[in-house]
């Protein structure tokens, strides 16, 4: 086996410098009970929303979907859930 010199501390510091992620994963239910403004506020803080959809996703997300898209965010409907991502967070769907 050959000598392999890898400075893991330097790598961790570099990753920490490059990844400036803020926010959290927010689990919720998209059923019309929560206002569009509340969802938009959560996204504006850098949170990723994972919402269980109870009803028609197009109708329920109509109040905030356009604003999310126009700000550079992303919406993905997958298996009864709506993922709402702030700008700079992407979803890789290659394995679907």
C-alpha atoms as a PDB file:
ATOM      1  CA  UNK A   1       0.000   0.000   0.000  1.00  0.00           C
ATOM      2  CA  UNK A   2       1.395   3.417  -0.888  1.00  0.00           C
ATOM      3  CA  UNK A   3       1.592   6.442   1.359  1.00  0.00           C
ATOM      4  CA  UNK A   4      -1.345   8.690   0.823  1.00  0.00           C
ATOM      5  CA  UNK A   5      -1.151  12.115   2.445  1.00  0.00           C
ATOM      6  CA  UNK A   6      -4.577  13.625   3.003  1.00  0.00           C
ATOM      7  CA  UNK A   7      -5.039  16.506   5.420  1.00  0.00           C
ATOM      8  CA  UNK A   8      -8.619  15.954   6.580  1.00  0.00           C
ATOM      9  CA  UNK A   9      -8.589  19.054   8.779  1.00  0.00           C
ATOM     10  CA  UNK A  10      -7.800  21.224   5.780  1.00  0.00           C
ATOM     11  CA  UNK A  11     -10.564  19.536   3.796  1.00  0.00           C
ATOM     12  CA  UNK A  12     -13.092  20.075   6.613  1.00  0.00           C
ATOM     13  CA  UNK A  13     -12.106  23.730   6.914  1.00  0.00           C
ATOM     14  CA  UNK A  14     -12.473  24.181   3.160  1.00  0.00           C
ATOM     15  CA  UNK A  15     -15.899  22.513   3.181  1.00  0.00           C
ATOM     16  CA  UNK A  16     -17.009  24.648   6.120  1.00  0.00           C
ATOM     17  CA  UNK A  17     -15.889  27.773   4.259  1.00  0.00           C
ATOM     18  CA  UNK A  18     -17.637  26.761   1.045  1.00  0.00           C
ATOM     19  CA  UNK A  19     -20.883  25.550   2.600  1.00  0.00           C
ATOM     20  CA  UNK A  20     -22.649  28.542   4.006  1.00  0.00           C
ATOM     21  CA  UNK A  21     -25.999  26.894   4.563  1.00  0.00           C
ATOM     22  CA  UNK A  22     -28.600  28.480   6.736  1.00  0.00           C
ATOM     23  CA  UNK A  23     -32.045  27.306   7.632  1.00  0.00           C
ATOM     24  CA  UNK A  24     -33.571  23.970   8.432  1.00  0.00           C
ATOM     25  CA  UNK A  25     -35.773  21.270   7.029  1.00  0.00           C
ATOM     26  CA  UNK A  26     -39.328  22.204   7.926  1.00  0.00           C
ATOM     27  CA  UNK A  27     -41.928  19.451   7.898  1.00  0.00           C
ATOM     28  CA  UNK A  28     -45.531  20.516   7.489  1.00  0.00           C
ATOM     29  CA  UNK A  29     -48.909  19.831   5.988  1.00  0.00           C
ATOM     30  CA  UNK A  30     -50.152  21.715   2.944  1.00  0.00           C
ATOM     31  CA  UNK A  31     -53.889  21.700   3.534  1.00  0.00           C
ATOM     32  CA  UNK A  32     -54.882  25.362   3.360  1.00  0.00           C
ATOM     33  CA  UNK A  33     -54.593  25.938   7.118  1.00  0.00           C
ATOM     34  CA  UNK A  34     -51.232  27.757   6.897  1.00  0.00           C
ATOM     35  CA  UNK A  35     -51.121  31.055   5.020  1.00  0.00           C
ATOM     36  CA  UNK A  36     -49.001  31.519   1.912  1.00  0.00           C
ATOM     37  CA  UNK A  37     -47.189  34.349   3.707  1.00  0.00           C
ATOM     38  CA  UNK A  38     -46.088  31.968   6.453  1.00  0.00           C
ATOM     39  CA  UNK A  39     -44.636  29.512   3.921  1.00  0.00           C
ATOM     40  CA  UNK A  40     -42.902  32.376   2.064  1.00  0.00           C
ATOM     41  CA  UNK A  41     -41.407  33.660   5.308  1.00  0.00           C
ATOM     42  CA  UNK A  42     -39.999  30.202   6.071  1.00  0.00           C
ATOM     43  CA  UNK A  43     -38.424  30.006   2.599  1.00  0.00           C
ATOM     44  CA  UNK A  44     -36.995  33.526   2.870  1.00  0.00           C
ATOM     45  CA  UNK A  45     -35.066  32.376   5.952  1.00  0.00           C
ATOM     46  CA  UNK A  46     -33.359  29.646   3.907  1.00  0.00           C
ATOM     47  CA  UNK A  47     -35.549  26.780   5.083  1.00  0.00           C
ATOM     48  CA  UNK A  48     -36.469  23.803   2.931  1.00  0.00           C
ATOM     49  CA  UNK A  49     -40.134  22.849   3.265  1.00  0.00           C
ATOM     50  CA  UNK A  50     -41.283  19.242   3.031  1.00  0.00           C
ATOM     51  CA  UNK A  51     -45.052  19.440   2.939  1.00  0.00           C
ATOM     52  CA  UNK A  52     -47.506  16.560   2.962  1.00  0.00           C
ATOM     53  CA  UNK A  53     -50.158  17.546   0.428  1.00  0.00           C
ATOM     54  CA  UNK A  54     -53.763  17.075   1.513  1.00  0.00           C
ATOM     55  CA  UNK A  55     -55.805  18.159  -1.473  1.00  0.00           C
ATOM     56  CA  UNK A  56     -55.061  19.649  -4.868  1.00  0.00           C
ATOM     57  CA  UNK A  57     -51.402  20.683  -4.867  1.00  0.00           C
ATOM     58  CA  UNK A  58     -51.933  23.323  -7.578  1.00  0.00           C
ATOM     59  CA  UNK A  59     -54.688  25.050  -5.646  1.00  0.00           C
ATOM     60  CA  UNK A  60     -52.974  24.756  -2.275  1.00  0.00           C
ATOM     61  CA  UNK A  61     -49.607  26.087  -3.480  1.00  0.00           C
ATOM     62  CA  UNK A  62     -51.033  28.805  -5.730  1.00  0.00           C
ATOM     63  CA  UNK A  63     -50.525  31.495  -3.092  1.00  0.00           C
ATOM     64  CA  UNK A  64     -46.749  31.067  -2.888  1.00  0.00           C
ATOM     65  CA  UNK A  65     -45.485  28.964  -5.827  1.00  0.00           C
ATOM     66  CA  UNK A  66     -44.973  31.846  -8.255  1.00  0.00           C
ATOM     67  CA  UNK A  67     -43.106  33.924  -5.659  1.00  0.00           C
ATOM     68  CA  UNK A  68     -40.832  30.990  -4.851  1.00  0.00           C
ATOM     69  CA  UNK A  69     -40.042  30.372  -8.537  1.00  0.00           C
ATOM     70  CA  UNK A  70     -39.510  34.073  -9.293  1.00  0.00           C
ATOM     71  CA  UNK A  71     -37.046  34.370  -6.391  1.00  0.00           C
ATOM     72  CA  UNK A  72     -34.978  31.489  -7.800  1.00  0.00           C
ATOM     73  CA  UNK A  73     -36.418  28.763  -5.576  1.00  0.00           C
ATOM     74  CA  UNK A  74     -37.729  25.421  -6.688  1.00  0.00           C
ATOM     75  CA  UNK A  75     -40.854  23.319  -6.121  1.00  0.00           C
ATOM     76  CA  UNK A  76     -40.947  19.551  -6.579  1.00  0.00           C
ATOM     77  CA  UNK A  77     -44.080  17.420  -6.165  1.00  0.00           C
ATOM     78  CA  UNK A  78     -43.079  13.862  -5.303  1.00  0.00           C
ATOM     79  CA  UNK A  79     -45.208  11.009  -3.926  1.00  0.00           C
ATOM     80  CA  UNK A  80     -47.736  13.161  -2.119  1.00  0.00           C
ATOM     81  CA  UNK A  81     -45.190  15.667  -0.855  1.00  0.00           C
ATOM     82  CA  UNK A  82     -44.294  19.133  -2.041  1.00  0.00           C
ATOM     83  CA  UNK A  83     -40.657  20.085  -1.577  1.00  0.00           C
ATOM     84  CA  UNK A  84     -40.175  23.840  -1.557  1.00  0.00           C
ATOM     85  CA  UNK A  85     -36.556  24.933  -1.817  1.00  0.00           C
ATOM     86  CA  UNK A  86     -35.020  28.365  -1.406  1.00  0.00           C
ATOM     87  CA  UNK A  87     -32.638  29.795  -4.001  1.00  0.00           C
ATOM     88  CA  UNK A  88     -29.329  27.948  -4.070  1.00  0.00           C
ATOM     89  CA  UNK A  89     -30.728  24.579  -3.005  1.00  0.00           C
ATOM     90  CA  UNK A  90     -31.308  22.082  -5.799  1.00  0.00           C
ATOM     91  CA  UNK A  91     -32.997  18.694  -6.002  1.00  0.00           C
ATOM     92  CA  UNK A  92     -31.284  15.982  -8.000  1.00  0.00           C
ATOM     93  CA  UNK A  93     -33.971  13.882  -9.689  1.00  0.00           C
ATOM     94  CA  UNK A  94     -31.639  11.749 -11.825  1.00  0.00           C
ATOM     95  CA  UNK A  95     -32.463   8.569  -9.901  1.00  0.00           C
ATOM     96  CA  UNK A  96     -36.203   8.865 -10.391  1.00  0.00           C
END
